[in-house]
Amino acid sequence: MAETIVYRRKRKRSKNPSDIAEDVRFKTLSTDNGHEKMIVYKRRNITKMQIEDHLEAGREVIMPTGERHEREIISANGKHGQIIGHKGGTLRGTQLNDLPEDILCSIISRLPLGDAVRTSILSTKLRRIWASHPNLTFTKRAMFPKSKIKGGEQIKFALIEGMHAVLKQHRGNGVERIFLQALLDQSTSSALNTCVKFAVTSGTTSLSLLLSPERPYCFPTYLFDLQNGSRSVLEELYLKYVSLRIPAGFTGFKHLKRLNLDCMYDIVADELQALLKNCLLLEVLCINVVYKFDKLVISQALSHLKYLSLTACLGVKTIEVAAANVERFEYEGSSDNSIVFPQPLKNVKYASVQWGAFNSHVGEFVLSVLPRSFPGLETLVWKTYGVEMDGLPNCLGRFQCLKSVHIELCAPVLACDVLSLAALLDAAPSLESFFLKLIGFINVPYSGIEEFRRLPSSPHHHIISVGIKEFTCSRDQIELVEYILENATALEHMIIKTKIGCYKDAAIHSPYIKKDKRVVIL
């Protein structure tokens, strides 16, 4: 065990001839794995005599004085050692470059790319470590965080120049992630091809290209084709505003586990299906904004697929989902789309669905198709524009496992009946929490002119928590509140957040909302 004692003199001069000092002691302990551990503690009222005792015992002593003076290490034989600076209670003798290489690698890997590059000017050791940085992020914010460069063209060419410099200096191995976000397009294909080729040759596992929509960059799939001798081990691919064409007989992306295709305007249905057939290890598939599709099939061959997200697929007429092991399903489209599940997906625990205007087709899908296709569903998120009583079928007890429901109800152009959501409560006998967010509703608080409706009693024994946000105190909203209060026998609290102050006053003083200690109106 090596022991170092640091004495720090008091700022005020002491009249005591013994020259009392204050010390901070650091004990450096060698561990089994070769690392050192510093134990720090303080002791006050140390005299010169005690300092001499430490020296005689062979201990190393550091004696700093004022901040502007030099400090000396006094060894036991009285010789002076290395001069160390001291400022604010820290020793400048410990440099970043002195740390073990594995610790430096860990530190550098956590720095933004621009800061990591700047460390290379400090020493050859840091330059060597930076050249193995595992995460390469090429964005304006990462490359030029304090730059005053203005104008799209200047930023574009500055980023390309910086990217070329980084790729040229990098050692070309150990890269885990390359993320490029810039307004680059087919006119800068040479620079983009260089980046993609580097991703292949360096063994990058994650590649993201978020580019410009003006002239979409043609993604070089030939670099990933095994028939061309590709060594790609890519596991994650995220493309936005990129032209992706899959040639016949393509054999790439065999290692792909995560695929995110965003705004792929020119992708062809047959080519996408051919691509998915190659990606048999896919665990996550996200497709956003595709056109020209008559049918999209998520086949049973994707047996590893856990997360499926299909959003803004407005041009797809029919979607067939047969991947049996999906656990999380997200869908956003229009009522013109047809979604088919050939077999029940028993592993789905979370589903999020969103349509445009509500109609009977939407109601049928939510209360009939979903419980039949996802028998183990536990959490349902539903966003819709309007809802009507006639559009929701009577499906009592269909969602046997459903425990949590989150609904975002946007105000439609035509009428809307919030009370109709009681049908969803009746369809879920195990429901524990219900959350409703009302978006864009502007109503005159209910005054009793219209007849107050009450649905037949239907006890719910598991609902514990209810939340309603942007409540506007309309008749149908109050009717839903009363229905829940009368039938939720295990309810612990209902939190109602009103949209503005006048709705809060109306809700608090409304004779149609029962005074119940479980209800909190905000």
Protein backbone atom coordinates (compact mmCIF):
# COMPACT_ATOMS: atom_id res chain seq x y z
CA MET A 1 0.00 0.00 0.00
CA ALA A 2 1.36 3.40 -1.00
CA GLU A 3 0.36 6.36 1.16
CA THR A 4 0.48 10.03 0.23
CA ILE A 5 -0.31 12.83 2.68
CA VAL A 6 -1.24 16.26 1.35
CA TYR A 7 -0.93 19.22 3.74
CA ARG A 8 -2.80 22.38 2.85
CA ARG A 9 -1.85 25.43 4.90
CA LYS A 10 -4.56 27.70 6.24
CA ARG A 11 -5.03 30.95 4.36
CA LYS A 12 -4.71 33.11 7.47
CA ARG A 13 -1.30 33.32 9.07
CA SER A 14 -1.10 31.55 12.37
CA LYS A 15 0.60 33.13 15.37
CA ASN A 16 1.32 29.68 16.73
CA PRO A 17 5.04 28.92 16.29
CA SER A 18 4.20 25.28 15.69
CA ASP A 19 2.76 26.41 12.34
CA ILE A 20 -0.52 24.49 12.37
CA ALA A 21 -1.57 23.10 8.98
CA GLU A 22 -4.59 21.28 7.59
CA ASP A 23 -4.20 18.04 5.70
CA VAL A 24 -6.14 15.86 3.31
CA ARG A 25 -4.92 12.28 3.23
CA PHE A 26 -5.12 10.05 0.16
CA LYS A 27 -4.47 6.35 0.57
CA THR A 28 -3.77 4.54 -2.68
CA LEU A 29 -4.61 0.86 -2.43
CA SER A 30 -3.59 -1.64 -5.11
CA THR A 31 -6.41 -4.05 -5.95
CA ASP A 32 -6.30 -7.55 -7.40
CA ASN A 33 -7.07 -6.36 -10.92
CA GLY A 34 -4.23 -3.84 -10.93
CA HIS A 35 -6.38 -0.73 -10.49
CA GLU A 36 -5.83 1.81 -7.73
CA LYS A 37 -8.36 3.13 -5.30
CA MET A 38 -8.02 6.52 -3.58
CA ILE A 39 -9.30 6.82 -0.02
CA VAL A 40 -9.64 10.46 1.06
CA TYR A 41 -10.14 11.83 4.55
CA LYS A 42 -9.27 15.05 6.43
CA ARG A 43 -7.31 15.81 9.60
CA ARG A 44 -6.87 19.24 11.19
CA ASN A 45 -4.22 20.77 13.48
CA ILE A 46 -1.15 19.08 12.01
CA THR A 47 2.20 20.48 13.23
CA LYS A 48 5.57 20.57 11.52
CA MET A 49 6.81 18.05 14.03
CA GLN A 50 4.16 15.60 12.85
CA ILE A 51 5.18 16.27 9.25
CA GLU A 52 8.78 15.37 10.08
CA ASP A 53 7.55 12.15 11.66
CA HIS A 54 5.87 11.23 8.39
CA LEU A 55 9.06 11.94 6.46
CA GLU A 56 11.13 9.76 8.75
CA ALA A 57 8.62 6.96 8.24
CA GLY A 58 9.33 7.07 4.48
CA ARG A 59 6.00 8.57 3.46
CA GLU A 60 5.65 10.95 0.52
CA VAL A 61 4.45 14.41 1.57
CA ILE A 62 2.99 17.15 -0.63
CA MET A 63 2.99 20.63 0.92
CA PRO A 64 1.00 23.19 -1.09
CA THR A 65 0.79 26.83 0.05
CA GLY A 66 -1.07 29.69 -1.69
CA GLU A 67 -2.73 29.20 -5.08
CA ARG A 68 -0.10 31.24 -6.94
CA HIS A 69 2.92 29.44 -5.49
CA GLU A 70 4.57 26.23 -6.50
CA ARG A 71 4.32 23.10 -4.39
CA GLU A 72 6.96 20.54 -3.73
CA ILE A 73 7.01 16.87 -3.02
CA ILE A 74 9.43 16.34 -0.15
CA SER A 75 10.83 12.86 0.04
CA ALA A 76 12.14 11.17 3.16
CA ASN A 77 15.80 11.84 2.25
CA GLY A 78 15.11 15.56 1.96
CA LYS A 79 15.48 15.76 -1.84
CA HIS A 80 12.96 17.72 -3.82
CA GLY A 81 10.77 15.83 -6.23
CA GLN A 82 8.40 16.88 -9.00
CA ILE A 83 6.95 20.40 -8.74
CA ILE A 84 3.18 20.27 -8.79
CA GLY A 85 0.74 23.14 -9.29
CA HIS A 86 -2.29 23.56 -7.08
CA LYS A 87 -5.51 25.45 -7.75
CA GLY A 88 -8.80 25.32 -5.94
CA GLY A 89 -7.72 22.31 -3.89
CA THR A 90 -6.86 20.08 -6.88
CA LEU A 91 -3.44 18.94 -8.07
CA ARG A 92 -2.60 19.76 -11.69
CA GLY A 93 0.02 17.03 -11.73
CA THR A 94 -2.59 14.38 -12.57
CA GLN A 95 -3.14 14.67 -16.32
CA LEU A 96 -5.85 13.07 -18.45
CA ASN A 97 -3.11 11.38 -20.44
CA ASP A 98 -1.89 9.58 -17.28
CA LEU A 99 -5.06 7.51 -16.97
CA PRO A 100 -5.04 3.86 -18.08
CA GLU A 101 -5.92 3.37 -21.74
CA ASP A 102 -9.10 1.39 -21.05
CA ILE A 103 -10.43 4.23 -18.88
CA LEU A 104 -9.50 6.80 -21.54
CA CYS A 105 -11.30 4.75 -24.19
CA SER A 106 -14.40 4.70 -22.00
CA ILE A 107 -14.23 8.49 -21.49
CA ILE A 108 -13.60 9.32 -25.15
CA SER A 109 -16.40 7.03 -26.32
CA ARG A 110 -18.88 9.04 -24.23
CA LEU A 111 -17.86 12.40 -25.70
CA PRO A 112 -19.64 13.94 -28.70
CA LEU A 113 -17.70 13.33 -31.89
CA GLY A 114 -16.53 16.94 -32.18
CA ASP A 115 -15.13 16.96 -28.63
CA ALA A 116 -13.52 13.56 -29.16
CA VAL A 117 -11.71 14.88 -32.24
CA ARG A 118 -10.44 17.89 -30.28
CA THR A 119 -8.77 15.66 -27.69
CA SER A 120 -6.43 14.37 -30.40
CA ILE A 121 -4.33 17.55 -30.22
CA LEU A 122 -3.40 16.87 -26.59
CA SER A 123 -1.18 13.84 -27.14
CA THR A 124 -0.34 10.98 -29.47
CA LYS A 125 -1.98 8.57 -27.04
CA LEU A 126 -5.30 10.44 -27.18
CA ARG A 127 -5.03 10.74 -30.96
CA ARG A 128 -4.70 6.97 -31.19
CA ILE A 129 -7.65 6.43 -28.85
CA TRP A 130 -9.90 8.92 -30.67
CA ALA A 131 -9.22 7.14 -33.94
CA SER A 132 -11.14 4.17 -32.52
CA HIS A 133 -14.23 6.15 -31.48
CA PRO A 134 -17.19 3.70 -31.74
CA ASN A 135 -19.94 6.26 -32.42
CA LEU A 136 -19.69 8.60 -35.40
CA THR A 137 -22.41 11.26 -35.44
CA PHE A 138 -22.43 13.59 -38.43
CA THR A 139 -24.91 16.38 -37.72
CA LYS A 140 -24.51 20.15 -37.65
CA ARG A 141 -24.97 20.19 -33.90
CA ALA A 142 -22.40 17.46 -33.28
CA MET A 143 -19.79 18.65 -35.78
CA PHE A 144 -20.12 22.42 -35.32
CA PRO A 145 -21.87 23.08 -31.97
CA LYS A 146 -20.69 26.70 -31.72
CA SER A 147 -20.24 27.44 -35.40
CA LYS A 148 -21.64 30.59 -36.96
CA ILE A 149 -21.92 28.95 -40.38
CA LYS A 150 -25.15 30.05 -42.02
CA GLY A 151 -26.83 29.00 -45.22
CA GLY A 152 -27.78 25.53 -46.35
CA GLU A 153 -25.00 25.16 -48.93
CA GLN A 154 -22.24 26.29 -46.54
CA ILE A 155 -23.43 23.89 -43.85
CA LYS A 156 -23.74 21.08 -46.39
CA PHE A 157 -20.18 21.39 -47.71
CA ALA A 158 -18.68 22.04 -44.26
CA LEU A 159 -20.31 18.87 -42.97
CA ILE A 160 -19.11 16.83 -45.96
CA GLU A 161 -15.57 18.14 -45.49
CA GLY A 162 -15.67 17.35 -41.77
CA MET A 163 -17.07 13.87 -42.42
CA HIS A 164 -14.31 13.12 -44.94
CA ALA A 165 -11.66 14.23 -42.43
CA VAL A 166 -13.08 12.04 -39.67
CA LEU A 167 -13.40 8.95 -41.86
CA LYS A 168 -9.86 9.45 -43.18
CA GLN A 169 -8.32 9.67 -39.69
CA HIS A 170 -10.40 6.89 -38.15
CA ARG A 171 -8.69 3.51 -37.80
CA GLY A 172 -11.65 1.83 -39.46
CA ASN A 173 -12.48 -0.77 -36.84
CA GLY A 174 -14.56 -0.97 -33.69
CA VAL A 175 -17.30 1.28 -35.12
CA GLU A 176 -20.69 0.50 -33.62
CA ARG A 177 -22.87 3.33 -34.90
CA ILE A 178 -22.86 5.85 -37.75
CA PHE A 179 -25.58 8.52 -37.66
CA LEU A 180 -25.82 11.07 -40.48
CA GLN A 181 -28.52 13.75 -40.55
CA ALA A 182 -28.16 16.51 -43.11
CA LEU A 183 -29.85 18.01 -46.17
CA LEU A 184 -27.82 15.86 -48.52
CA ASP A 185 -29.27 14.24 -51.63
CA GLN A 186 -28.28 12.51 -54.86
CA SER A 187 -26.10 15.48 -55.85
CA THR A 188 -23.74 14.56 -52.99
CA SER A 189 -23.88 10.82 -53.67
CA SER A 190 -20.08 10.52 -53.81
CA ALA A 191 -19.70 11.64 -50.19
CA LEU A 192 -22.65 9.52 -49.07
CA ASN A 193 -21.29 6.45 -50.85
CA THR A 194 -17.98 6.93 -49.04
CA CYS A 195 -19.81 6.97 -45.71
CA VAL A 196 -21.85 3.85 -46.53
CA LYS A 197 -18.77 2.00 -47.81
CA PHE A 198 -16.92 2.87 -44.59
CA ALA A 199 -19.86 1.43 -42.63
CA VAL A 200 -19.50 -1.85 -44.51
CA THR A 201 -15.71 -2.18 -44.30
CA SER A 202 -15.48 -1.09 -40.65
CA GLY A 203 -18.02 -3.65 -39.47
CA THR A 204 -20.54 -1.02 -38.34
CA THR A 205 -23.60 -2.54 -36.69
CA SER A 206 -25.91 0.52 -36.85
CA LEU A 207 -26.34 2.91 -39.80
CA SER A 208 -28.77 5.85 -39.94
CA LEU A 209 -29.17 8.17 -42.94
CA LEU A 210 -31.69 11.01 -42.52
CA LEU A 211 -31.37 13.08 -45.67
CA SER A 212 -33.11 15.62 -47.92
CA PRO A 213 -36.44 14.90 -49.67
CA GLU A 214 -35.67 17.00 -52.76
CA ARG A 215 -33.62 14.48 -54.75
CA PRO A 216 -33.56 11.30 -52.68
CA TYR A 217 -30.20 9.60 -52.45
CA CYS A 218 -30.04 6.19 -54.17
CA PHE A 219 -28.93 3.78 -51.48
CA PRO A 220 -26.09 1.51 -52.76
CA THR A 221 -27.54 -1.89 -51.92
CA TYR A 222 -24.79 -3.59 -53.97
CA LEU A 223 -22.34 -2.81 -51.15
CA PHE A 224 -24.34 -5.13 -48.88
CA ASP A 225 -24.94 -7.97 -51.33
CA LEU A 226 -23.18 -11.17 -50.29
CA GLN A 227 -22.83 -12.13 -53.95
CA ASN A 228 -20.46 -9.16 -54.33
CA GLY A 229 -18.34 -10.34 -51.40
CA SER A 230 -19.84 -7.91 -48.88
CA ARG A 231 -18.55 -8.22 -45.30
CA SER A 232 -21.41 -6.24 -43.82
CA VAL A 233 -22.55 -7.19 -40.33
CA LEU A 234 -25.18 -4.45 -40.17
CA GLU A 235 -27.82 -5.08 -37.50
CA GLU A 236 -29.69 -1.74 -37.53
CA LEU A 237 -30.68 0.34 -40.58
CA TYR A 238 -32.65 3.61 -40.46
CA LEU A 239 -33.35 5.37 -43.77
CA LYS A 240 -35.33 8.59 -44.24
CA TYR A 241 -35.87 10.31 -47.60
CA VAL A 242 -33.74 7.70 -49.33
CA SER A 243 -34.44 5.85 -52.56
CA LEU A 244 -34.24 2.14 -51.82
CA ARG A 245 -34.39 -0.25 -54.77
CA ILE A 246 -33.83 -3.96 -54.22
CA PRO A 247 -32.36 -5.81 -57.25
CA ALA A 248 -33.51 -9.30 -58.18
CA GLY A 249 -31.68 -12.00 -56.27
CA PHE A 250 -30.45 -9.62 -53.56
CA THR A 251 -28.83 -11.51 -50.66
CA GLY A 252 -27.82 -8.73 -48.27
CA PHE A 253 -28.93 -7.69 -44.77
CA LYS A 254 -28.76 -11.22 -43.39
CA HIS A 255 -27.78 -9.90 -39.94
CA LEU A 256 -30.37 -7.11 -39.80
CA LYS A 257 -32.38 -6.96 -36.55
CA ARG A 258 -33.86 -3.45 -36.70
CA LEU A 259 -35.21 -1.83 -39.88
CA ASN A 260 -36.77 1.65 -39.99
CA LEU A 261 -37.98 2.93 -43.37
CA ASP A 262 -39.29 6.50 -43.18
CA CYS A 263 -40.79 8.44 -46.09
CA MET A 264 -39.76 5.95 -48.77
CA TYR A 265 -41.75 7.41 -51.64
CA ASP A 266 -40.47 5.26 -54.50
CA ILE A 267 -40.19 1.86 -52.86
CA VAL A 268 -41.98 -0.91 -54.76
CA ALA A 269 -44.16 -3.47 -53.00
CA ASP A 270 -42.52 -6.52 -54.59
CA GLU A 271 -39.04 -5.24 -53.78
CA LEU A 272 -39.96 -4.54 -50.17
CA GLN A 273 -41.36 -8.05 -49.82
CA ALA A 274 -38.12 -9.45 -51.28
CA LEU A 275 -36.13 -7.39 -48.78
CA LEU A 276 -38.15 -8.66 -45.82
CA LYS A 277 -37.63 -12.25 -46.94
CA ASN A 278 -33.88 -11.72 -46.53
CA CYS A 279 -34.20 -10.21 -43.03
CA LEU A 280 -35.22 -13.32 -41.14
CA LEU A 281 -33.57 -12.09 -37.92
CA LEU A 282 -35.65 -8.90 -37.76
CA GLU A 283 -36.82 -8.01 -34.26
CA VAL A 284 -38.03 -4.45 -34.93
CA LEU A 285 -39.73 -3.25 -38.13
CA CYS A 286 -40.96 0.34 -38.57
CA ILE A 287 -42.47 1.51 -41.87
CA ASN A 288 -43.67 5.10 -42.19
CA VAL A 289 -45.22 6.72 -45.29
CA VAL A 290 -45.21 4.33 -48.22
CA TYR A 291 -47.26 4.54 -51.41
CA LYS A 292 -48.18 2.45 -54.45
CA PHE A 293 -48.92 -0.66 -52.42
CA ASP A 294 -51.88 -2.88 -53.07
CA LYS A 295 -50.84 -5.29 -50.36
CA LEU A 296 -48.18 -5.41 -47.65
CA VAL A 297 -47.47 -8.78 -46.04
CA ILE A 298 -45.59 -9.21 -42.78
CA SER A 299 -45.01 -12.91 -43.24
CA GLN A 300 -44.84 -15.74 -40.75
CA ALA A 301 -41.18 -16.23 -41.73
CA LEU A 302 -40.30 -13.22 -39.54
CA SER A 303 -40.41 -15.42 -36.47
CA HIS A 304 -38.09 -13.13 -34.43
CA LEU A 305 -40.19 -9.99 -34.97
CA LYS A 306 -41.22 -8.45 -31.63
CA TYR A 307 -42.10 -4.85 -32.50
CA LEU A 308 -44.11 -3.83 -35.57
CA SER A 309 -44.97 -0.20 -36.38
CA LEU A 310 -46.90 0.75 -39.54
CA THR A 311 -47.66 4.48 -39.66
CA ALA A 312 -49.07 6.77 -42.36
CA CYS A 313 -49.42 3.85 -44.77
CA LEU A 314 -52.16 5.71 -46.62
CA GLY A 315 -51.46 4.16 -50.01
CA VAL A 316 -51.60 0.55 -48.81
CA LYS A 317 -54.98 -1.04 -49.47
CA THR A 318 -54.47 -4.29 -47.55
CA ILE A 319 -52.06 -5.12 -44.73
CA GLU A 320 -51.61 -8.72 -43.66
CA VAL A 321 -49.77 -9.48 -40.42
CA ALA A 322 -48.82 -13.11 -39.86
CA ALA A 323 -45.63 -12.77 -37.75
CA ALA A 324 -46.70 -14.89 -34.80
CA ASN A 325 -44.30 -13.58 -32.12
CA VAL A 326 -45.08 -9.86 -32.30
CA GLU A 327 -45.40 -8.37 -28.80
CA ARG A 328 -45.97 -4.69 -29.62
CA PHE A 329 -48.14 -3.49 -32.51
CA GLU A 330 -48.58 0.13 -33.67
CA TYR A 331 -50.73 1.22 -36.59
CA GLU A 332 -51.72 4.57 -38.07
CA GLY A 333 -53.75 4.86 -41.22
CA SER A 334 -57.18 5.59 -42.61
CA SER A 335 -60.46 3.72 -42.52
CA ASP A 336 -59.86 2.82 -46.19
CA ASN A 337 -57.08 0.44 -45.15
CA SER A 338 -57.90 -3.18 -44.47
CA ILE A 339 -55.85 -5.00 -41.81
CA VAL A 340 -55.93 -8.79 -41.77
CA PHE A 341 -54.60 -11.15 -39.11
CA PRO A 342 -54.76 -14.74 -40.50
CA GLN A 343 -54.11 -16.18 -37.04
CA PRO A 344 -54.44 -14.71 -33.53
CA LEU A 345 -51.22 -13.07 -32.32
CA LYS A 346 -51.19 -14.38 -28.77
CA ASN A 347 -48.00 -12.58 -27.69
CA VAL A 348 -49.21 -9.02 -28.34
CA LYS A 349 -49.39 -7.17 -25.00
CA TYR A 350 -49.41 -3.58 -26.28
CA ALA A 351 -51.34 -2.15 -29.23
CA SER A 352 -51.63 1.43 -30.46
CA VAL A 353 -54.09 2.23 -33.26
CA GLN A 354 -54.95 5.54 -34.91
CA TRP A 355 -57.35 6.50 -37.68
CA GLY A 356 -58.74 9.63 -39.19
CA ALA A 357 -62.49 10.18 -38.98
CA PHE A 358 -64.43 7.66 -36.91
CA ASN A 359 -66.93 5.36 -38.59
CA SER A 360 -68.46 1.95 -38.05
CA HIS A 361 -65.47 0.26 -39.71
CA VAL A 362 -63.15 1.75 -37.08
CA GLY A 363 -65.46 0.78 -34.23
CA GLU A 364 -65.73 -2.77 -35.56
CA PHE A 365 -61.95 -3.08 -35.76
CA VAL A 366 -61.33 -1.83 -32.21
CA LEU A 367 -64.05 -3.80 -30.43
CA SER A 368 -64.26 -6.91 -32.63
CA VAL A 369 -61.07 -7.47 -34.63
CA LEU A 370 -58.56 -6.47 -31.94
CA PRO A 371 -59.85 -8.70 -29.11
CA ARG A 372 -60.12 -11.61 -31.52
CA SER A 373 -56.64 -11.05 -33.01
CA PHE A 374 -54.83 -10.05 -29.78
CA PRO A 375 -56.34 -12.30 -27.07
CA GLY A 376 -53.55 -11.49 -24.60
CA LEU A 377 -53.68 -7.70 -25.04
CA GLU A 378 -53.02 -5.79 -21.80
CA THR A 379 -52.58 -2.16 -22.93
CA LEU A 380 -54.58 -0.39 -25.65
CA VAL A 381 -53.84 3.11 -26.96
CA TRP A 382 -56.49 4.45 -29.32
CA LYS A 383 -56.47 7.81 -31.09
CA THR A 384 -59.48 8.78 -33.16
CA TYR A 385 -61.41 11.78 -34.48
CA GLY A 386 -64.84 11.57 -32.95
CA VAL A 387 -66.80 8.57 -31.72
CA GLU A 388 -70.45 7.61 -31.98
CA MET A 389 -72.65 5.21 -30.02
CA ASP A 390 -74.00 3.56 -33.17
CA GLY A 391 -70.48 2.87 -34.46
CA LEU A 392 -69.42 0.74 -31.48
CA PRO A 393 -70.75 -2.83 -31.44
CA ASN A 394 -71.80 -4.56 -28.23
CA CYS A 395 -68.79 -6.73 -27.37
CA LEU A 396 -69.27 -7.47 -23.69
CA GLY A 397 -66.23 -9.14 -22.14
CA ARG A 398 -64.21 -9.51 -25.33
CA PHE A 399 -60.92 -8.10 -23.92
CA GLN A 400 -60.31 -10.69 -21.21
CA CYS A 401 -56.74 -9.55 -20.36
CA LEU A 402 -56.98 -5.81 -21.03
CA LYS A 403 -55.84 -3.80 -17.98
CA SER A 404 -55.06 -0.30 -19.27
CA VAL A 405 -56.78 1.90 -21.87
CA HIS A 406 -55.50 5.28 -23.14
CA ILE A 407 -57.76 7.18 -25.55
CA GLU A 408 -56.96 10.41 -27.38
CA LEU A 409 -60.24 11.74 -28.72
CA CYS A 410 -59.93 14.64 -31.16
CA ALA A 411 -62.90 16.92 -31.73
CA PRO A 412 -64.48 16.06 -35.10
CA VAL A 413 -66.22 18.40 -37.50
CA LEU A 414 -69.53 16.65 -36.87
CA ALA A 415 -71.10 15.41 -33.65
CA CYS A 416 -69.31 13.32 -31.04
CA ASP A 417 -70.70 11.22 -28.19
CA VAL A 418 -68.16 10.60 -25.41
CA LEU A 419 -70.61 8.43 -23.48
CA SER A 420 -70.28 5.78 -26.20
CA LEU A 421 -66.81 4.95 -24.79
CA ALA A 422 -68.63 3.08 -22.03
CA ALA A 423 -68.87 0.23 -24.54
CA LEU A 424 -65.09 -0.13 -24.39
CA LEU A 425 -65.23 -0.35 -20.59
CA ASP A 426 -67.85 -3.08 -20.81
CA ALA A 427 -65.66 -5.01 -23.26
CA ALA A 428 -62.80 -5.21 -20.72
CA PRO A 429 -63.87 -6.93 -17.47
CA SER A 430 -60.29 -6.90 -16.08
CA LEU A 431 -59.67 -3.20 -16.78
CA GLU A 432 -57.73 -1.40 -14.01
CA SER A 433 -56.96 2.06 -15.43
CA PHE A 434 -58.74 4.29 -17.94
CA PHE A 435 -57.29 7.53 -19.32
CA LEU A 436 -59.12 9.87 -21.71
CA LYS A 437 -57.59 12.95 -23.34
CA LEU A 438 -60.01 15.30 -25.11
CA ILE A 439 -58.33 17.38 -27.82
CA GLY A 440 -59.82 20.51 -29.37
CA PHE A 441 -63.23 20.39 -27.65
CA ILE A 442 -65.03 23.68 -27.02
CA ASN A 443 -68.42 23.28 -25.39
CA VAL A 444 -71.02 25.20 -23.42
CA PRO A 445 -71.19 23.57 -19.96
CA TYR A 446 -74.24 21.35 -19.57
CA SER A 447 -77.14 23.23 -17.99
CA GLY A 448 -79.82 20.53 -17.92
CA ILE A 449 -81.84 21.60 -20.94
CA GLU A 450 -81.19 18.29 -22.71
CA GLU A 451 -82.25 15.05 -21.09
CA PHE A 452 -79.54 13.44 -18.97
CA ARG A 453 -78.91 9.87 -20.17
CA ARG A 454 -78.11 6.88 -17.98
CA LEU A 455 -76.91 3.57 -19.34
CA PRO A 456 -77.94 0.22 -17.81
CA SER A 457 -75.91 -0.77 -14.77
CA SER A 458 -72.75 -2.80 -15.53
CA PRO A 459 -70.49 -3.25 -12.47
CA HIS A 460 -66.72 -3.05 -12.96
CA HIS A 461 -64.80 -4.64 -10.10
CA HIS A 462 -61.20 -3.89 -11.13
CA ILE A 463 -61.10 -0.24 -12.26
CA ILE A 464 -58.88 1.57 -9.76
CA SER A 465 -57.75 4.72 -11.56
CA VAL A 466 -59.49 7.06 -14.03
CA GLY A 467 -58.11 10.23 -15.60
CA ILE A 468 -59.82 12.71 -17.93
CA LYS A 469 -57.82 15.58 -19.41
CA GLU A 470 -59.12 18.83 -21.00
CA PHE A 471 -62.61 18.21 -19.64
CA THR A 472 -65.13 20.76 -20.97
CA CYS A 473 -68.19 19.81 -18.91
CA SER A 474 -70.43 18.85 -21.83
CA ARG A 475 -73.42 16.59 -21.30
CA ASP A 476 -71.87 13.44 -22.79
CA GLN A 477 -68.65 13.95 -20.78
CA ILE A 478 -70.58 14.29 -17.51
CA GLU A 479 -72.66 11.23 -18.41
CA LEU A 480 -69.49 9.16 -18.82
CA VAL A 481 -68.16 10.40 -15.46
CA GLU A 482 -71.41 9.43 -13.74
CA TYR A 483 -71.45 6.03 -15.43
CA ILE A 484 -67.96 5.25 -14.12
CA LEU A 485 -68.69 6.51 -10.59
CA GLU A 486 -71.83 4.39 -10.36
CA ASN A 487 -70.32 1.17 -11.75
CA ALA A 488 -66.62 1.16 -10.75
CA THR A 489 -66.93 -0.48 -7.34
CA ALA A 490 -63.16 -0.58 -6.67
CA LEU A 491 -62.40 2.95 -7.89
CA GLU A 492 -59.80 4.72 -5.73
CA HIS A 493 -59.48 8.05 -7.53
CA MET A 494 -60.72 9.93 -10.58
CA ILE A 495 -58.70 12.97 -11.63
CA ILE A 496 -60.45 15.44 -13.94
CA LYS A 497 -58.29 18.19 -15.47
CA THR A 498 -60.34 20.93 -17.07
CA LYS A 499 -59.24 22.85 -20.14
CA ILE A 500 -59.62 26.38 -18.73
CA GLY A 501 -60.78 27.98 -15.51
CA CYS A 502 -64.42 28.46 -16.49
CA TYR A 503 -64.80 24.73 -17.11
CA LYS A 504 -63.29 24.02 -13.70
CA ASP A 505 -65.86 26.23 -11.97
CA ALA A 506 -68.65 24.65 -14.01
CA ALA A 507 -67.50 21.14 -13.09
CA ILE A 508 -67.11 21.92 -9.38
CA HIS A 509 -70.55 23.52 -9.11
CA SER A 510 -72.38 21.25 -11.53
CA PRO A 511 -75.38 19.56 -9.88
CA TYR A 512 -74.99 16.69 -12.33
CA ILE A 513 -71.57 15.59 -11.05
CA LYS A 514 -71.91 13.84 -7.72
CA LYS A 515 -69.86 15.11 -4.81
CA ASP A 516 -67.54 12.17 -4.34
CA LYS A 517 -64.32 12.08 -2.33
CA ARG A 518 -62.77 9.91 -5.04
CA VAL A 519 -63.10 12.74 -7.58
CA VAL A 520 -60.48 15.49 -7.85
CA ILE A 521 -61.21 18.38 -10.24
CA LEU A 522 -58.25 20.47 -11.34
